[in-house]
Amino acid sequence: MFFDGWFPLLKTLISGVVAYVLLILLLRICGKRTLSKWNAFDYVVTIALGSTLATILLSKEITIVQGVTGLVVLVLLQFVVTWLSVRSQGFSGLVKAKPTLLFWHGEFQSDALRRTRVTDQEVRAALRNQGFAYLSQAKAVVLETDGSFSVIGETDESGRSTLTDVQGFEE
């Protein structure tokens, strides 16, 4: 059907504005962490928020109050999970993966590459992206919890290592 009357358009317009403004307010109230780089949990919540917003806009069966309640529940759950993650390492371990060492002193970590489904070509690309022309220039490449690569160049090794919480790293 091409046009079903003005009321459905008005409902979509009002629902969209109300839900959008509320979502922005909720995200601002809950802080920067809600919109940080994604791990798997953040990705799921973001898709759920988008799906809920779309349902509010387009579903005739969902009232604005029901939709807003759905958005509030999702954002509050995200807030609670991140709050617990910061305060409990055990809980954080349930929600987030640990960073994984993929390359160490010129050697690809084959088991870690296989387990994380990353190829040595992707590691080389990460090195090139950071300006490394030779493998020997890099000390380590880490697959972070958000799927990004961290590249660490050779250093004098004084001080505490940033790799202490990385899976596969042993001092």
Protein backbone atom coordinates (compact mmCIF):
# COMPACT_ATOMS: atom_id res chain seq x y z
CA MET A 1 0.00 0.00 0.00
CA PHE A 2 1.35 3.42 -0.93
CA PHE A 3 -0.48 5.72 1.50
CA ASP A 4 -2.52 4.69 4.54
CA GLY A 5 -3.54 8.10 5.86
CA TRP A 6 -1.97 10.89 7.86
CA PHE A 7 -2.30 9.35 11.32
CA PRO A 8 0.35 6.61 10.81
CA LEU A 9 2.75 9.25 9.46
CA LEU A 10 2.09 11.51 12.44
CA LYS A 11 2.62 8.59 14.86
CA THR A 12 5.94 7.74 13.16
CA LEU A 13 7.04 11.36 13.31
CA ILE A 14 6.15 11.81 16.98
CA SER A 15 7.48 8.39 17.99
CA GLY A 16 10.72 8.99 16.12
CA VAL A 17 11.39 12.38 17.67
CA VAL A 18 10.50 11.25 21.21
CA ALA A 19 12.48 8.00 21.00
CA TYR A 20 15.50 9.66 19.38
CA VAL A 21 15.69 12.49 21.90
CA LEU A 22 15.26 10.06 24.81
CA LEU A 23 17.92 7.71 23.43
CA ILE A 24 20.41 10.58 23.10
CA LEU A 25 19.63 11.74 26.66
CA LEU A 26 20.00 8.21 28.04
CA LEU A 27 23.33 7.70 26.30
CA ARG A 28 24.63 11.05 27.57
CA ILE A 29 23.50 10.29 31.13
CA CYS A 30 25.12 6.84 31.11
CA GLY A 31 28.46 8.25 30.00
CA LYS A 32 31.13 7.81 27.37
CA ARG A 33 31.63 4.11 28.07
CA THR A 34 28.26 3.33 26.50
CA LEU A 35 29.55 4.56 23.13
CA SER A 36 33.15 3.35 23.39
CA LYS A 37 34.83 0.95 20.99
CA TRP A 38 32.81 -2.20 20.81
CA ASN A 39 33.40 -5.60 22.26
CA ALA A 40 30.92 -8.39 21.51
CA PHE A 41 28.54 -7.32 24.29
CA ASP A 42 28.52 -3.68 23.15
CA TYR A 43 27.84 -4.78 19.59
CA VAL A 44 24.79 -6.82 20.65
CA VAL A 45 23.41 -3.96 22.75
CA THR A 46 23.91 -1.45 19.93
CA ILE A 47 22.06 -3.67 17.46
CA ALA A 48 19.28 -4.20 20.00
CA LEU A 49 18.99 -0.42 20.47
CA GLY A 50 18.76 0.09 16.71
CA SER A 51 16.19 -2.66 16.35
CA THR A 52 14.12 -1.24 19.19
CA LEU A 53 14.25 2.25 17.71
CA ALA A 54 13.16 0.90 14.32
CA THR A 55 10.30 -1.01 15.94
CA ILE A 56 9.16 2.14 17.76
CA LEU A 57 9.16 4.04 14.48
CA LEU A 58 7.45 1.48 12.27
CA SER A 59 5.30 -0.85 14.34
CA LYS A 60 1.64 -0.05 14.73
CA GLU A 61 1.33 -2.43 17.70
CA ILE A 62 4.04 -0.79 19.85
CA THR A 63 3.14 2.35 21.79
CA ILE A 64 5.66 5.12 22.38
CA VAL A 65 5.71 4.27 26.09
CA GLN A 66 6.44 0.57 25.38
CA GLY A 67 9.22 1.49 22.99
CA VAL A 68 10.77 4.02 25.34
CA THR A 69 10.62 1.42 28.12
CA GLY A 70 12.52 -0.98 25.86
CA LEU A 71 15.21 1.62 25.18
CA VAL A 72 15.52 2.46 28.88
CA VAL A 73 15.86 -1.24 29.81
CA LEU A 74 18.62 -1.80 27.22
CA VAL A 75 20.60 1.29 28.22
CA LEU A 76 20.23 0.54 31.93
CA LEU A 77 21.38 -3.06 31.38
CA GLN A 78 24.39 -1.76 29.45
CA PHE A 79 25.14 0.63 32.32
CA VAL A 80 24.84 -2.14 34.95
CA VAL A 81 27.05 -4.53 32.98
CA THR A 82 29.77 -1.91 32.45
CA TRP A 83 29.52 -0.83 36.10
CA LEU A 84 29.95 -4.44 37.25
CA SER A 85 32.76 -5.02 34.74
CA VAL A 86 34.77 -2.16 36.20
CA ARG A 87 34.29 -3.39 39.76
CA SER A 88 34.63 -7.17 39.30
CA GLN A 89 37.36 -8.89 37.29
CA GLY A 90 35.38 -12.13 37.38
CA PHE A 91 32.32 -10.48 35.88
CA SER A 92 34.45 -8.60 33.37
CA GLY A 93 35.92 -11.92 32.26
CA LEU A 94 32.43 -13.23 31.53
CA VAL A 95 31.52 -10.25 29.36
CA LYS A 96 34.82 -9.39 27.68
CA ALA A 97 37.52 -11.44 26.03
CA LYS A 98 41.15 -10.92 27.02
CA PRO A 99 43.57 -9.31 24.57
CA THR A 100 45.63 -11.94 22.73
CA LEU A 101 49.30 -11.87 21.75
CA LEU A 102 49.59 -12.68 18.02
CA PHE A 103 53.21 -11.74 17.31
CA TRP A 104 56.18 -11.70 19.66
CA HIS A 105 59.81 -10.77 18.84
CA GLY A 106 59.63 -11.72 15.17
CA GLU A 107 57.55 -14.86 15.66
CA PHE A 108 53.91 -15.34 14.75
CA GLN A 109 52.03 -17.09 17.55
CA SER A 110 50.42 -19.84 15.45
CA ASP A 111 48.08 -21.20 18.13
CA ALA A 112 46.81 -17.73 18.99
CA LEU A 113 46.35 -16.85 15.30
CA ARG A 114 44.34 -20.03 14.73
CA ARG A 115 42.27 -19.59 17.91
CA THR A 116 41.39 -15.96 17.08
CA ARG A 117 40.93 -16.66 13.35
CA VAL A 118 43.48 -14.03 12.35
CA THR A 119 45.92 -14.55 9.48
CA ASP A 120 49.58 -13.58 9.46
CA GLN A 121 48.70 -11.32 6.51
CA GLU A 122 46.36 -9.34 8.77
CA VAL A 123 49.13 -8.99 11.35
CA ARG A 124 51.51 -7.76 8.64
CA ALA A 125 48.87 -5.27 7.51
CA ALA A 126 48.55 -3.97 11.08
CA LEU A 127 52.33 -3.55 11.22
CA ARG A 128 52.39 -1.69 7.91
CA ASN A 129 49.50 0.48 9.05
CA GLN A 130 51.64 1.57 12.01
CA GLY A 131 54.61 2.37 9.77
CA PHE A 132 56.71 -0.76 10.36
CA ALA A 133 58.62 -1.86 7.26
CA TYR A 134 60.21 -4.95 8.83
CA LEU A 135 58.97 -7.59 11.25
CA SER A 136 62.15 -7.13 13.27
CA GLN A 137 61.07 -3.57 14.14
CA ALA A 138 58.07 -4.85 16.08
CA LYS A 139 58.19 -6.38 19.51
CA ALA A 140 54.54 -7.42 19.71
CA VAL A 141 51.15 -7.32 18.01
CA VAL A 142 48.09 -7.77 20.20
CA LEU A 143 44.50 -8.44 19.15
CA GLU A 144 42.51 -6.22 21.53
CA THR A 145 39.07 -6.98 22.97
CA ASP A 146 37.39 -4.66 20.45
CA GLY A 147 39.00 -6.45 17.46
CA SER A 148 41.64 -3.79 16.80
CA PHE A 149 45.36 -4.48 16.64
CA SER A 150 47.89 -2.85 18.95
CA VAL A 151 51.46 -2.77 17.69
CA ILE A 152 54.39 -2.31 20.04
CA GLY A 153 57.82 -1.46 18.67
CA GLU A 154 61.14 -2.62 20.08
CA THR A 155 62.05 -0.71 23.26
CA ASP A 156 64.68 -0.63 25.97
CA GLU A 157 62.29 -2.68 28.18
CA SER A 158 62.65 -0.53 31.29
CA GLY A 159 59.58 -0.26 33.47
CA ARG A 160 56.37 -2.25 33.68
CA SER A 161 55.03 -3.91 30.54
CA THR A 162 51.69 -2.96 29.01
CA LEU A 163 51.31 -6.62 28.04
CA THR A 164 50.72 -7.99 31.55
CA ASP A 165 46.99 -8.66 30.95
CA VAL A 166 47.45 -10.11 27.46
CA GLN A 167 46.65 -13.76 26.87
CA GLY A 168 49.83 -15.56 25.77
CA PHE A 169 52.28 -13.10 27.35
CA GLU A 170 54.67 -14.22 30.03
CA GLU A 171 57.41 -11.98 31.40
